[in-house]
PDB file of N, CA and C in Angstrom:
ATOM      1  N   MET A   1      59.941 -42.958  16.303  1.00  0.00           N
ATOM      2  CA  MET A   1      58.866 -43.373  17.147  1.00  0.00           C
ATOM      3  C   MET A   1      57.836 -42.246  17.172  1.00  0.00           C
ATOM      4  N   GLY A   2      56.612 -42.591  16.939  1.00  0.00           N
ATOM      5  CA  GLY A   2      55.598 -41.573  16.745  1.00  0.00           C
ATOM      6  C   GLY A   2      54.950 -41.026  17.986  1.00  0.00           C
ATOM      7  N   SER A   3      54.769 -41.799  19.029  1.00  0.00           N
ATOM      8  CA  SER A   3      54.030 -41.298  20.186  1.00  0.00           C
ATOM      9  C   SER A   3      54.787 -41.604  21.463  1.00  0.00           C
ATOM     10  N   ALA A   4      54.346 -40.978  22.524  1.00  0.00           N
ATOM     11  CA  ALA A   4      54.982 -41.210  23.819  1.00  0.00           C
ATOM     12  C   ALA A   4      54.818 -42.659  24.247  1.00  0.00           C
ATOM     13  N   ALA A   5      53.700 -43.280  23.877  1.00  0.00           N
ATOM     14  CA  ALA A   5      53.482 -44.679  24.238  1.00  0.00           C
ATOM     15  C   ALA A   5      54.543 -45.566  23.604  1.00  0.00           C
ATOM     16  N   SER A   6      54.955 -45.264  22.374  1.00  0.00           N
ATOM     17  CA  SER A   6      55.975 -46.087  21.728  1.00  0.00           C
ATOM     18  C   SER A   6      57.377 -45.741  22.223  1.00  0.00           C
ATOM     19  N   ASP A   7      57.553 -44.555  22.785  1.00  0.00           N
ATOM     20  CA  ASP A   7      58.859 -44.186  23.326  1.00  0.00           C
ATOM     21  C   ASP A   7      59.285 -45.129  24.442  1.00  0.00           C
ATOM     22  N   GLU A   8      58.332 -45.582  25.235  1.00  0.00           N
ATOM     23  CA  GLU A   8      58.683 -46.443  26.361  1.00  0.00           C
ATOM     24  C   GLU A   8      59.171 -47.813  25.912  1.00  0.00           C
ATOM     25  N   HIS A   9      58.907 -48.190  24.647  1.00  0.00           N
ATOM     26  CA  HIS A   9      59.320 -49.482  24.106  1.00  0.00           C
ATOM     27  C   HIS A   9      60.471 -49.347  23.111  1.00  0.00           C
ATOM     28  N   TYR A  10      61.050 -48.173  22.990  1.00  0.00           N
ATOM     29  CA  TYR A  10      62.032 -47.908  21.939  1.00  0.00           C
ATOM     30  C   TYR A  10      63.274 -48.782  22.081  1.00  0.00           C
ATOM     31  N   PHE A  11      63.625 -49.447  20.985  1.00  0.00           N
ATOM     32  CA  PHE A  11      64.890 -50.166  20.875  1.00  0.00           C
ATOM     33  C   PHE A  11      65.290 -50.181  19.407  1.00  0.00           C
ATOM     34  N   GLN A  12      66.562 -49.984  19.163  1.00  0.00           N
ATOM     35  CA  GLN A  12      67.071 -50.043  17.801  1.00  0.00           C
ATOM     36  C   GLN A  12      68.349 -50.851  17.799  1.00  0.00           C
ATOM     37  N   ARG A  13      68.369 -51.879  16.963  1.00  0.00           N
ATOM     38  CA  ARG A  13      69.576 -52.688  16.831  1.00  0.00           C
ATOM     39  C   ARG A  13      70.636 -51.857  16.123  1.00  0.00           C
ATOM     40  N   GLY A  14      71.877 -52.068  16.514  1.00  0.00           N
ATOM     41  CA  GLY A  14      72.977 -51.326  15.915  1.00  0.00           C
ATOM     42  C   GLY A  14      73.338 -51.827  14.531  1.00  0.00           C
ATOM     43  N   ASN A  15      74.304 -51.182  13.939  1.00  0.00           N
ATOM     44  CA  ASN A  15      74.785 -51.491  12.603  1.00  0.00           C
ATOM     45  C   ASN A  15      75.523 -52.833  12.596  1.00  0.00           C
ATOM     46  N   LEU A  16      75.103 -53.749  11.723  1.00  0.00           N
ATOM     47  CA  LEU A  16      75.714 -55.079  11.669  1.00  0.00           C
ATOM     48  C   LEU A  16      77.195 -55.028  11.306  1.00  0.00           C
ATOM     49  N   PHE A  17      77.595 -54.071  10.478  1.00  0.00           N
ATOM     50  CA  PHE A  17      79.014 -53.948  10.128  1.00  0.00           C
ATOM     51  C   PHE A  17      79.850 -53.720  11.379  1.00  0.00           C
ATOM     52  N   TRP A  18      79.427 -52.765  12.231  1.00  0.00           N
ATOM     53  CA  TRP A  18      80.196 -52.476  13.437  1.00  0.00           C
ATOM     54  C   TRP A  18      80.147 -53.629  14.423  1.00  0.00           C
ATOM     55  N   PHE A  19      79.012 -54.309  14.490  1.00  0.00           N
ATOM     56  CA  PHE A  19      78.919 -55.465  15.369  1.00  0.00           C
ATOM     57  C   PHE A  19      79.903 -56.547  14.920  1.00  0.00           C
ATOM     58  N   ALA A  20      80.005 -56.778  13.613  1.00  0.00           N
ATOM     59  CA  ALA A  20      80.940 -57.778  13.095  1.00  0.00           C
ATOM     60  C   ALA A  20      82.384 -57.375  13.401  1.00  0.00           C
ATOM     61  N   VAL A  21      82.709 -56.100  13.203  1.00  0.00           N
ATOM     62  CA  VAL A  21      84.066 -55.617  13.502  1.00  0.00           C
ATOM     63  C   VAL A  21      84.395 -55.832  14.981  1.00  0.00           C
ATOM     64  N   ILE A  22      83.456 -55.514  15.848  1.00  0.00           N
ATOM     65  CA  ILE A  22      83.680 -55.651  17.291  1.00  0.00           C
ATOM     66  C   ILE A  22      83.818 -57.118  17.682  1.00  0.00           C
ATOM     67  N   ILE A  23      82.988 -57.996  17.133  1.00  0.00           N
ATOM     68  CA  ILE A  23      83.070 -59.421  17.448  1.00  0.00           C
ATOM     69  C   ILE A  23      84.413 -59.993  17.023  1.00  0.00           C
ATOM     70  N   VAL A  24      84.845 -59.682  15.804  1.00  0.00           N
ATOM     71  CA  VAL A  24      86.131 -60.197  15.313  1.00  0.00           C
ATOM     72  C   VAL A  24      87.281 -59.627  16.135  1.00  0.00           C
ATOM     73  N   SER A  25      87.252 -58.337  16.421  1.00  0.00           N
ATOM     74  CA  SER A  25      88.326 -57.703  17.185  1.00  0.00           C
ATOM     75  C   SER A  25      88.421 -58.246  18.601  1.00  0.00           C
ATOM     76  N   PHE A  26      87.280 -58.326  19.278  1.00  0.00           N
ATOM     77  CA  PHE A  26      87.300 -58.831  20.653  1.00  0.00           C
ATOM     78  C   PHE A  26      87.640 -60.312  20.678  1.00  0.00           C
ATOM     79  N   GLY A  27      87.206 -61.051  19.669  1.00  0.00           N
ATOM     80  CA  GLY A  27      87.571 -62.468  19.568  1.00  0.00           C
ATOM     81  C   GLY A  27      89.066 -62.639  19.407  1.00  0.00           C
ATOM     82  N   TYR A  28      89.660 -61.839  18.532  1.00  0.00           N
ATOM     83  CA  TYR A  28      91.112 -61.898  18.326  1.00  0.00           C
ATOM     84  C   TYR A  28      91.853 -61.486  19.597  1.00  0.00           C
ATOM     85  N   TYR A  29      91.377 -60.445  20.246  1.00  0.00           N
ATOM     86  CA  TYR A  29      91.992 -59.971  21.490  1.00  0.00           C
ATOM     87  C   TYR A  29      91.935 -61.064  22.564  1.00  0.00           C
ATOM     88  N   THR A  30      90.805 -61.745  22.667  1.00  0.00           N
ATOM     89  CA  THR A  30      90.660 -62.845  23.629  1.00  0.00           C
ATOM     90  C   THR A  30      91.648 -63.957  23.303  1.00  0.00           C
ATOM     91  N   TRP A  31      91.767 -64.288  22.037  1.00  0.00           N
ATOM     92  CA  TRP A  31      92.698 -65.325  21.583  1.00  0.00           C
ATOM     93  C   TRP A  31      94.128 -64.945  21.950  1.00  0.00           C
ATOM     94  N   VAL A  32      94.503 -63.706  21.706  1.00  0.00           N
ATOM     95  CA  VAL A  32      95.860 -63.227  21.994  1.00  0.00           C
ATOM     96  C   VAL A  32      96.156 -63.273  23.496  1.00  0.00           C
ATOM     97  N   VAL A  33      95.195 -62.891  24.307  1.00  0.00           N
ATOM     98  CA  VAL A  33      95.420 -62.829  25.747  1.00  0.00           C
ATOM     99  C   VAL A  33      95.476 -64.219  26.377  1.00  0.00           C
ATOM    100  N   PHE A  34      94.586 -65.117  25.994  1.00  0.00           N
ATOM    101  CA  PHE A  34      94.459 -66.393  26.686  1.00  0.00           C
ATOM    102  C   PHE A  34      95.140 -67.575  25.992  1.00  0.00           C
ATOM    103  N   TRP A  35      95.298 -67.547  24.693  1.00  0.00           N
ATOM    104  CA  TRP A  35      95.918 -68.665  23.976  1.00  0.00           C
ATOM    105  C   TRP A  35      96.951 -68.176  22.963  1.00  0.00           C
ATOM    106  N   PRO A  36      97.925 -67.379  23.384  1.00  0.00           N
ATOM    107  CA  PRO A  36      98.888 -66.821  22.426  1.00  0.00           C
ATOM    108  C   PRO A  36      99.752 -67.882  21.746  1.00  0.00           C
ATOM    109  N   GLN A  37      99.955 -69.028  22.396  1.00  0.00           N
ATOM    110  CA  GLN A  37     100.790 -70.076  21.822  1.00  0.00           C
ATOM    111  C   GLN A  37     100.134 -70.736  20.604  1.00  0.00           C
ATOM    112  N   SER A  38      98.818 -70.585  20.441  1.00  0.00           N
ATOM    113  CA  SER A  38      98.116 -71.243  19.330  1.00  0.00           C
ATOM    114  C   SER A  38      97.909 -70.334  18.123  1.00  0.00           C
ATOM    115  N   ILE A  39      98.403 -69.122  18.172  1.00  0.00           N
ATOM    116  CA  ILE A  39      98.195 -68.165  17.076  1.00  0.00           C
ATOM    117  C   ILE A  39      99.207 -68.425  15.961  1.00  0.00           C
ATOM    118  N   PRO A  40      98.742 -68.571  14.718  1.00  0.00           N
ATOM    119  CA  PRO A  40      99.661 -68.758  13.583  1.00  0.00           C
ATOM    120  C   PRO A  40     100.212 -67.402  13.107  1.00  0.00           C
ATOM    121  N   TYR A  41     101.156 -66.846  13.853  1.00  0.00           N
ATOM    122  CA  TYR A  41     101.659 -65.492  13.586  1.00  0.00           C
ATOM    123  C   TYR A  41     102.125 -65.306  12.149  1.00  0.00           C
ATOM    124  N   GLU A  42     102.795 -66.315  11.598  1.00  0.00           N
ATOM    125  CA  GLU A  42     103.356 -66.186  10.244  1.00  0.00           C
ATOM    126  C   GLU A  42     102.266 -66.132   9.173  1.00  0.00           C
ATOM    127  N   SER A  43     101.043 -66.532   9.495  1.00  0.00           N
ATOM    128  CA  SER A  43      99.940 -66.539   8.526  1.00  0.00           C
ATOM    129  C   SER A  43      99.071 -65.289   8.583  1.00  0.00           C
ATOM    130  N   LEU A  44      99.414 -64.342   9.431  1.00  0.00           N
ATOM    131  CA  LEU A  44      98.553 -63.180   9.638  1.00  0.00           C
ATOM    132  C   LEU A  44      99.044 -61.912   8.946  1.00  0.00           C
ATOM    133  N   GLY A  45      99.999 -62.051   8.056  1.00  0.00           N
ATOM    134  CA  GLY A  45     100.516 -60.871   7.366  1.00  0.00           C
ATOM    135  C   GLY A  45     101.164 -59.920   8.356  1.00  0.00           C
ATOM    136  N   PRO A  46     101.016 -58.601   8.149  1.00  0.00           N
ATOM    137  CA  PRO A  46     101.658 -57.635   9.039  1.00  0.00           C
ATOM    138  C   PRO A  46     101.124 -57.674  10.471  1.00  0.00           C
ATOM    139  N   LEU A  47      99.915 -58.197  10.670  1.00  0.00           N
ATOM    140  CA  LEU A  47      99.347 -58.291  12.003  1.00  0.00           C
ATOM    141  C   LEU A  47     100.080 -59.341  12.847  1.00  0.00           C
ATOM    142  N   GLY A  48     100.626 -60.371  12.202  1.00  0.00           N
ATOM    143  CA  GLY A  48     101.314 -61.446  12.913  1.00  0.00           C
ATOM    144  C   GLY A  48     102.522 -60.985  13.720  1.00  0.00           C
ATOM    145  N   PRO A  49     103.524 -60.367  13.071  1.00  0.00           N
ATOM    146  CA  PRO A  49     104.695 -59.917  13.837  1.00  0.00           C
ATOM    147  C   PRO A  49     104.353 -58.873  14.901  1.00  0.00           C
ATOM    148  N   PHE A  50     103.396 -58.001  14.602  1.00  0.00           N
ATOM    149  CA  PHE A  50     102.989 -56.994  15.579  1.00  0.00           C
ATOM    150  C   PHE A  50     102.365 -57.658  16.796  1.00  0.00           C
ATOM    151  N   THR A  51     101.474 -58.612  16.548  1.00  0.00           N
ATOM    152  CA  THR A  51     100.839 -59.333  17.650  1.00  0.00           C
ATOM    153  C   THR A  51     101.882 -60.113  18.447  1.00  0.00           C
ATOM    154  N   GLN A  52     102.812 -60.762  17.751  1.00  0.00           N
ATOM    155  CA  GLN A  52     103.832 -61.537  18.455  1.00  0.00           C
ATOM    156  C   GLN A  52     104.707 -60.633  19.319  1.00  0.00           C
ATOM    157  N   TYR A  53     105.036 -59.460  18.825  1.00  0.00           N
ATOM    158  CA  TYR A  53     105.803 -58.505  19.619  1.00  0.00           C
ATOM    159  C   TYR A  53     105.043 -58.124  20.888  1.00  0.00           C
ATOM    160  N   LEU A  54     103.752 -57.813  20.732  1.00  0.00           N
ATOM    161  CA  LEU A  54     102.950 -57.446  21.902  1.00  0.00           C
ATOM    162  C   LEU A  54     102.863 -58.589  22.901  1.00  0.00           C
ATOM    163  N   VAL A  55     102.667 -59.799  22.427  1.00  0.00           N
ATOM    164  CA  VAL A  55     102.587 -60.962  23.320  1.00  0.00           C
ATOM    165  C   VAL A  55     103.923 -61.181  24.025  1.00  0.00           C
ATOM    166  N   ASP A  56     105.026 -61.077  23.293  1.00  0.00           N
ATOM    167  CA  ASP A  56     106.350 -61.339  23.870  1.00  0.00           C
ATOM    168  C   ASP A  56     106.805 -60.261  24.840  1.00  0.00           C
ATOM    169  N   HIS A  57     106.466 -59.003  24.576  1.00  0.00           N
ATOM    170  CA  HIS A  57     107.016 -57.903  25.357  1.00  0.00           C
ATOM    171  C   HIS A  57     106.000 -57.173  26.255  1.00  0.00           C
ATOM    172  N   HIS A  58     104.727 -57.346  25.995  1.00  0.00           N
ATOM    173  CA  HIS A  58     103.711 -56.582  26.738  1.00  0.00           C
ATOM    174  C   HIS A  58     102.499 -57.426  27.110  1.00  0.00           C
ATOM    175  N   HIS A  59     102.711 -58.682  27.452  1.00  0.00           N
ATOM    176  CA  HIS A  59     101.566 -59.553  27.729  1.00  0.00           C
ATOM    177  C   HIS A  59     100.760 -59.080  28.944  1.00  0.00           C
ATOM    178  N   THR A  60     101.427 -58.588  29.970  1.00  0.00           N
ATOM    179  CA  THR A  60     100.705 -58.086  31.148  1.00  0.00           C
ATOM    180  C   THR A  60      99.818 -56.911  30.770  1.00  0.00           C
ATOM    181  N   PHE A  61     100.347 -56.017  29.938  1.00  0.00           N
ATOM    182  CA  PHE A  61      99.560 -54.882  29.461  1.00  0.00           C
ATOM    183  C   PHE A  61      98.348 -55.357  28.665  1.00  0.00           C
ATOM    184  N   LEU A  62      98.537 -56.345  27.797  1.00  0.00           N
ATOM    185  CA  LEU A  62      97.426 -56.894  27.020  1.00  0.00           C
ATOM    186  C   LEU A  62      96.375 -57.507  27.942  1.00  0.00           C
ATOM    187  N   HIS A  63      96.829 -58.262  28.912  1.00  0.00           N
ATOM    188  CA  HIS A  63      95.921 -58.930  29.847  1.00  0.00           C
ATOM    189  C   HIS A  63      95.122 -57.905  30.654  1.00  0.00           C
ATOM    190  N   ASN A  64      95.808 -56.921  31.212  1.00  0.00           N
ATOM    191  CA  ASN A  64      95.117 -55.883  31.983  1.00  0.00           C
ATOM    192  C   ASN A  64      94.173 -55.067  31.095  1.00  0.00           C
ATOM    193  N   GLY A  65      94.616 -54.750  29.901  1.00  0.00           N
ATOM    194  CA  GLY A  65      93.781 -53.999  28.960  1.00  0.00           C
ATOM    195  C   GLY A  65      92.522 -54.747  28.580  1.00  0.00           C
ATOM    196  N   TYR A  66      92.628 -56.066  28.491  1.00  0.00           N
ATOM    197  CA  TYR A  66      91.473 -56.893  28.165  1.00  0.00           C
ATOM    198  C   TYR A  66      90.389 -56.729  29.232  1.00  0.00           C
ATOM    199  N   TRP A  67      90.790 -56.842  30.505  1.00  0.00           N
ATOM    200  CA  TRP A  67      89.809 -56.736  31.590  1.00  0.00           C
ATOM    201  C   TRP A  67      89.306 -55.305  31.750  1.00  0.00           C
ATOM    202  N   ILE A  68      90.159 -54.337  31.481  1.00  0.00           N
ATOM    203  CA  ILE A  68      89.719 -52.939  31.524  1.00  0.00           C
ATOM    204  C   ILE A  68      88.664 -52.681  30.439  1.00  0.00           C
ATOM    205  N   ALA A  69      88.867 -53.270  29.267  1.00  0.00           N
ATOM    206  CA  ALA A  69      87.881 -53.108  28.185  1.00  0.00           C
ATOM    207  C   ALA A  69      86.526 -53.663  28.615  1.00  0.00           C
ATOM    208  N   TRP A  70      86.509 -54.825  29.279  1.00  0.00           N
ATOM    209  CA  TRP A  70      85.241 -55.377  29.756  1.00  0.00           C
ATOM    210  C   TRP A  70      84.624 -54.500  30.843  1.00  0.00           C
ATOM    211  N   LEU A  71      85.466 -53.942  31.712  1.00  0.00           N
ATOM    212  CA  LEU A  71      84.947 -53.032  32.741  1.00  0.00           C
ATOM    213  C   LEU A  71      84.323 -51.788  32.116  1.00  0.00           C
ATOM    214  N   ILE A  72      84.931 -51.302  31.055  1.00  0.00           N
ATOM    215  CA  ILE A  72      84.366 -50.152  30.344  1.00  0.00           C
ATOM    216  C   ILE A  72      82.994 -50.517  29.781  1.00  0.00           C
ATOM    217  N   HIS A  73      82.865 -51.724  29.236  1.00  0.00           N
ATOM    218  CA  HIS A  73      81.575 -52.164  28.710  1.00  0.00           C
ATOM    219  C   HIS A  73      80.534 -52.273  29.821  1.00  0.00           C
ATOM    220  N   VAL A  74      80.950 -52.710  30.995  1.00  0.00           N
ATOM    221  CA  VAL A  74      80.024 -52.755  32.134  1.00  0.00           C
ATOM    222  C   VAL A  74      79.561 -51.335  32.470  1.00  0.00           C
ATOM    223  N   GLY A  75      80.499 -50.399  32.514  1.00  0.00           N
ATOM    224  CA  GLY A  75      80.148 -49.003  32.789  1.00  0.00           C
ATOM    225  C   GLY A  75      79.214 -48.434  31.736  1.00  0.00           C
ATOM    226  N   GLU A  76      79.472 -48.742  30.472  1.00  0.00           N
ATOM    227  CA  GLU A  76      78.590 -48.274  29.405  1.00  0.00           C
ATOM    228  C   GLU A  76      77.188 -48.871  29.557  1.00  0.00           C
ATOM    229  N   SER A  77      77.111 -50.115  29.984  1.00  0.00           N
ATOM    230  CA  SER A  77      75.807 -50.764  30.194  1.00  0.00           C
ATOM    231  C   SER A  77      75.026 -50.082  31.307  1.00  0.00           C
ATOM    232  N   LEU A  78      75.725 -49.757  32.387  1.00  0.00           N
ATOM    233  CA  LEU A  78      75.068 -49.052  33.486  1.00  0.00           C
ATOM    234  C   LEU A  78      74.586 -47.676  33.029  1.00  0.00           C
ATOM    235  N   TYR A  79      75.390 -47.006  32.223  1.00  0.00           N
ATOM    236  CA  TYR A  79      74.988 -45.702  31.693  1.00  0.00           C
ATOM    237  C   TYR A  79      73.786 -45.859  30.761  1.00  0.00           C
ATOM    238  N   ALA A  80      73.743 -46.951  29.976  1.00  0.00           N
ATOM    239  CA  ALA A  80      72.595 -47.210  29.107  1.00  0.00           C
ATOM    240  C   ALA A  80      71.327 -47.375  29.940  1.00  0.00           C
ATOM    241  N   MET A  81      71.448 -48.030  31.094  1.00  0.00           N
ATOM    242  CA  MET A  81      70.299 -48.197  31.978  1.00  0.00           C
ATOM    243  C   MET A  81      69.787 -46.829  32.450  1.00  0.00           C
ATOM    244  N   VAL A  82      70.706 -45.944  32.838  1.00  0.00           N
ATOM    245  CA  VAL A  82      70.332 -44.600  33.286  1.00  0.00           C
ATOM    246  C   VAL A  82      69.713 -43.809  32.132  1.00  0.00           C
ATOM    247  N   LEU A  83      70.316 -43.918  30.950  1.00  0.00           N
ATOM    248  CA  LEU A  83      69.778 -43.201  29.784  1.00  0.00           C
ATOM    249  C   LEU A  83      68.373 -43.673  29.433  1.00  0.00           C
ATOM    250  N   CYS A  84      68.135 -44.967  29.520  1.00  0.00           N
ATOM    251  CA  CYS A  84      66.790 -45.488  29.231  1.00  0.00           C
ATOM    252  C   CYS A  84      65.759 -44.807  30.120  1.00  0.00           C
ATOM    253  N   LYS A  85      66.063 -44.741  31.396  1.00  0.00           N
ATOM    254  CA  LYS A  85      65.118 -44.127  32.329  1.00  0.00           C
ATOM    255  C   LYS A  85      64.936 -42.642  32.038  1.00  0.00           C
ATOM    256  N   SER A  86      66.035 -41.938  31.746  1.00  0.00           N
ATOM    257  CA  SER A  86      65.933 -40.502  31.513  1.00  0.00           C
ATOM    258  C   SER A  86      65.245 -40.171  30.193  1.00  0.00           C
ATOM    259  N   LYS A  87      65.247 -41.107  29.244  1.00  0.00           N
ATOM    260  CA  LYS A  87      64.610 -40.869  27.951  1.00  0.00           C
ATOM    261  C   LYS A  87      63.211 -41.468  27.886  1.00  0.00           C
ATOM    262  N   GLY A  88      62.726 -41.971  29.022  1.00  0.00           N
ATOM    263  CA  GLY A  88      61.363 -42.475  29.078  1.00  0.00           C
ATOM    264  C   GLY A  88      61.182 -43.883  28.540  1.00  0.00           C
ATOM    265  N   ILE A  89      62.263 -44.627  28.391  1.00  0.00           N
ATOM    266  CA  ILE A  89      62.161 -46.017  27.949  1.00  0.00           C
ATOM    267  C   ILE A  89      61.948 -46.853  29.211  1.00  0.00           C
ATOM    268  N   THR A  90      60.687 -47.138  29.487  1.00  0.00           N
ATOM    269  CA  THR A  90      60.344 -47.793  30.748  1.00  0.00           C
ATOM    270  C   THR A  90      60.027 -49.277  30.587  1.00  0.00           C
ATOM    271  N   ASP A  91      59.845 -49.733  29.369  1.00  0.00           N
ATOM    272  CA  ASP A  91      59.560 -51.145  29.139  1.00  0.00           C
ATOM    273  C   ASP A  91      60.776 -51.988  29.544  1.00  0.00           C
ATOM    274  N   GLY A  92      60.547 -52.967  30.409  1.00  0.00           N
ATOM    275  CA  GLY A  92      61.643 -53.794  30.919  1.00  0.00           C
ATOM    276  C   GLY A  92      62.396 -54.539  29.838  1.00  0.00           C
ATOM    277  N   ARG A  93      61.674 -55.041  28.839  1.00  0.00           N
ATOM    278  CA  ARG A  93      62.324 -55.770  27.743  1.00  0.00           C
ATOM    279  C   ARG A  93      63.216 -54.843  26.923  1.00  0.00           C
ATOM    280  N   ALA A  94      62.726 -53.661  26.618  1.00  0.00           N
ATOM    281  CA  ALA A  94      63.516 -52.693  25.846  1.00  0.00           C
ATOM    282  C   ALA A  94      64.760 -52.279  26.632  1.00  0.00           C
ATOM    283  N   GLN A  95      64.606 -52.047  27.932  1.00  0.00           N
ATOM    284  CA  GLN A  95      65.763 -51.688  28.758  1.00  0.00           C
ATOM    285  C   GLN A  95      66.791 -52.818  28.764  1.00  0.00           C
ATOM    286  N   LEU A  96      66.325 -54.050  28.918  1.00  0.00           N
ATOM    287  CA  LEU A  96      67.231 -55.199  28.932  1.00  0.00           C
ATOM    288  C   LEU A  96      67.974 -55.328  27.609  1.00  0.00           C
ATOM    289  N   LEU A  97      67.266 -55.122  26.508  1.00  0.00           N
ATOM    290  CA  LEU A  97      67.916 -55.184  25.194  1.00  0.00           C
ATOM    291  C   LEU A  97      69.001 -54.121  25.062  1.00  0.00           C
ATOM    292  N   TRP A  98      68.706 -52.890  25.516  1.00  0.00           N
ATOM    293  CA  TRP A  98      69.714 -51.824  25.463  1.00  0.00           C
ATOM    294  C   TRP A  98      70.924 -52.180  26.326  1.00  0.00           C
ATOM    295  N   ILE A  99      70.674 -52.689  27.528  1.00  0.00           N
ATOM    296  CA  ILE A  99      71.769 -53.011  28.445  1.00  0.00           C
ATOM    297  C   ILE A  99      72.635 -54.130  27.870  1.00  0.00           C
ATOM    298  N   LEU A 100      72.001 -55.193  27.375  1.00  0.00           N
ATOM    299  CA  LEU A 100      72.768 -56.315  26.813  1.00  0.00           C
ATOM    300  C   LEU A 100      73.522 -55.913  25.549  1.00  0.00           C
ATOM    301  N   GLN A 101      72.840 -55.191  24.663  1.00  0.00           N
ATOM    302  CA  GLN A 101      73.499 -54.764  23.432  1.00  0.00           C
ATOM    303  C   GLN A 101      74.685 -53.854  23.737  1.00  0.00           C
ATOM    304  N   THR A 102      74.524 -52.972  24.697  1.00  0.00           N
ATOM    305  CA  THR A 102      75.616 -52.068  25.054  1.00  0.00           C
ATOM    306  C   THR A 102      76.741 -52.818  25.741  1.00  0.00           C
ATOM    307  N   PHE A 103      76.419 -53.808  26.574  1.00  0.00           N
ATOM    308  CA  PHE A 103      77.463 -54.611  27.209  1.00  0.00           C
ATOM    309  C   PHE A 103      78.301 -55.333  26.158  1.00  0.00           C
ATOM    310  N   LEU A 104      77.654 -55.901  25.155  1.00  0.00           N
ATOM    311  CA  LEU A 104      78.374 -56.674  24.150  1.00  0.00           C
ATOM    312  C   LEU A 104      79.085 -55.809  23.115  1.00  0.00           C
ATOM    313  N   PHE A 105      78.496 -54.680  22.755  1.00  0.00           N
ATOM    314  CA  PHE A 105      79.031 -53.905  21.636  1.00  0.00           C
ATOM    315  C   PHE A 105      79.442 -52.484  21.989  1.00  0.00           C
ATOM    316  N   GLY A 106      79.326 -52.100  23.248  1.00  0.00           N
ATOM    317  CA  GLY A 106      79.847 -50.824  23.721  1.00  0.00           C
ATOM    318  C   GLY A 106      79.277 -49.614  23.027  1.00  0.00           C
ATOM    319  N   ILE A 107      80.170 -48.735  22.623  1.00  0.00           N
ATOM    320  CA  ILE A 107      79.780 -47.437  22.087  1.00  0.00           C
ATOM    321  C   ILE A 107      78.997 -47.560  20.779  1.00  0.00           C
ATOM    322  N   ALA A 108      79.161 -48.666  20.060  1.00  0.00           N
ATOM    323  CA  ALA A 108      78.387 -48.861  18.831  1.00  0.00           C
ATOM    324  C   ALA A 108      76.894 -48.903  19.137  1.00  0.00           C
ATOM    325  N   SER A 109      76.532 -49.375  20.304  1.00  0.00           N
ATOM    326  CA  SER A 109      75.140 -49.385  20.735  1.00  0.00           C
ATOM    327  C   SER A 109      74.792 -48.118  21.506  1.00  0.00           C
ATOM    328  N   LEU A 110      75.662 -47.750  22.430  1.00  0.00           N
ATOM    329  CA  LEU A 110      75.385 -46.609  23.301  1.00  0.00           C
ATOM    330  C   LEU A 110      75.195 -45.316  22.513  1.00  0.00           C
ATOM    331  N   SER A 111      75.927 -45.151  21.426  1.00  0.00           N
ATOM    332  CA  SER A 111      75.799 -43.928  20.629  1.00  0.00           C
ATOM    333  C   SER A 111      74.400 -43.790  20.027  1.00  0.00           C
ATOM    334  N   ILE A 112      73.769 -44.913  19.694  1.00  0.00           N
ATOM    335  CA  ILE A 112      72.403 -44.877  19.158  1.00  0.00           C
ATOM    336  C   ILE A 112      71.445 -44.396  20.239  1.00  0.00           C
ATOM    337  N   LEU A 113      71.613 -44.942  21.437  1.00  0.00           N
ATOM    338  CA  LEU A 113      70.747 -44.543  22.547  1.00  0.00           C
ATOM    339  C   LEU A 113      70.977 -43.087  22.926  1.00  0.00           C
ATOM    340  N   MET A 114      72.218 -42.646  22.900  1.00  0.00           N
ATOM    341  CA  MET A 114      72.526 -41.255  23.244  1.00  0.00           C
ATOM    342  C   MET A 114      71.903 -40.291  22.231  1.00  0.00           C
ATOM    343  N   ALA A 115      71.865 -40.690  20.971  1.00  0.00           N
ATOM    344  CA  ALA A 115      71.328 -39.824  19.915  1.00  0.00           C
ATOM    345  C   ALA A 115      69.804 -39.819  19.883  1.00  0.00           C
ATOM    346  N   TYR A 116      69.185 -40.777  20.512  1.00  0.00           N
ATOM    347  CA  TYR A 116      67.720 -40.891  20.501  1.00  0.00           C
ATOM    348  C   TYR A 116      67.086 -39.708  21.220  1.00  0.00           C
ATOM    349  N   ARG A 117      66.134 -39.075  20.546  1.00  0.00           N
ATOM    350  CA  ARG A 117      65.379 -37.953  21.109  1.00  0.00           C
ATOM    351  C   ARG A 117      63.921 -38.356  21.178  1.00  0.00           C
ATOM    352  N   PRO A 118      63.422 -38.671  22.370  1.00  0.00           N
ATOM    353  CA  PRO A 118      62.016 -39.066  22.474  1.00  0.00           C
ATOM    354  C   PRO A 118      61.092 -37.890  22.168  1.00  0.00           C
ATOM    355  N   LYS A 119      59.953 -38.222  21.612  1.00  0.00           N
ATOM    356  CA  LYS A 119      58.942 -37.201  21.346  1.00  0.00           C
ATOM    357  C   LYS A 119      58.170 -36.969  22.643  1.00  0.00           C
ATOM    358  N   ARG A 120      58.022 -35.738  23.012  1.00  0.00           N
ATOM    359  CA  ARG A 120      57.283 -35.396  24.236  1.00  0.00           C
ATOM    360  C   ARG A 120      55.901 -34.909  23.833  1.00  0.00           C
ATOM    361  N   GLN A 121      54.879 -35.454  24.464  1.00  0.00           N
ATOM    362  CA  GLN A 121      53.528 -34.978  24.197  1.00  0.00           C
ATOM    363  C   GLN A 121      53.281 -33.717  25.007  1.00  0.00           C
ATOM    364  N   LYS A 122      52.579 -32.769  24.382  1.00  0.00           N
ATOM    365  CA  LYS A 122      52.211 -31.551  25.094  1.00  0.00           C
ATOM    366  C   LYS A 122      51.133 -31.873  26.098  1.00  0.00           C
ATOM    367  N   ARG A 123      51.275 -31.321  27.287  1.00  0.00           N
ATOM    368  CA  ARG A 123      50.250 -31.508  28.326  1.00  0.00           C
ATOM    369  C   ARG A 123      49.367 -30.280  28.350  1.00  0.00           C
ATOM    370  N   THR A 124      48.057 -30.510  28.276  1.00  0.00           N
ATOM    371  CA  THR A 124      47.132 -29.372  28.260  1.00  0.00           C
ATOM    372  C   THR A 124      46.242 -29.369  29.478  1.00  0.00           C
TER     373      THR A 124
END
């Protein structure tokens, strides 16, 4: 971003590879927690028996971990909101995009915002 005026509108979409990994992983995790009876364990290769073991012996842990993961994403979103303000991203649309992207994709988005260094104009 070249000027302070553009800093207030700064938004960068994250890496599509990581977004795809997160979507598939969280989708599978949701499936395991809420519909374990519908999972074709025998068709999943080495992941099948491991998942079945976790469902059979640690379902409460999986369920609690699922909600904790979402709570972590909420916390990351709130931190993204604070970071936007501290880095001079004041445009409401840009802030909303950062908050939503961070809520859905967590650290894959937040790390981009954390690494962002706004350009400061010299005051004379």
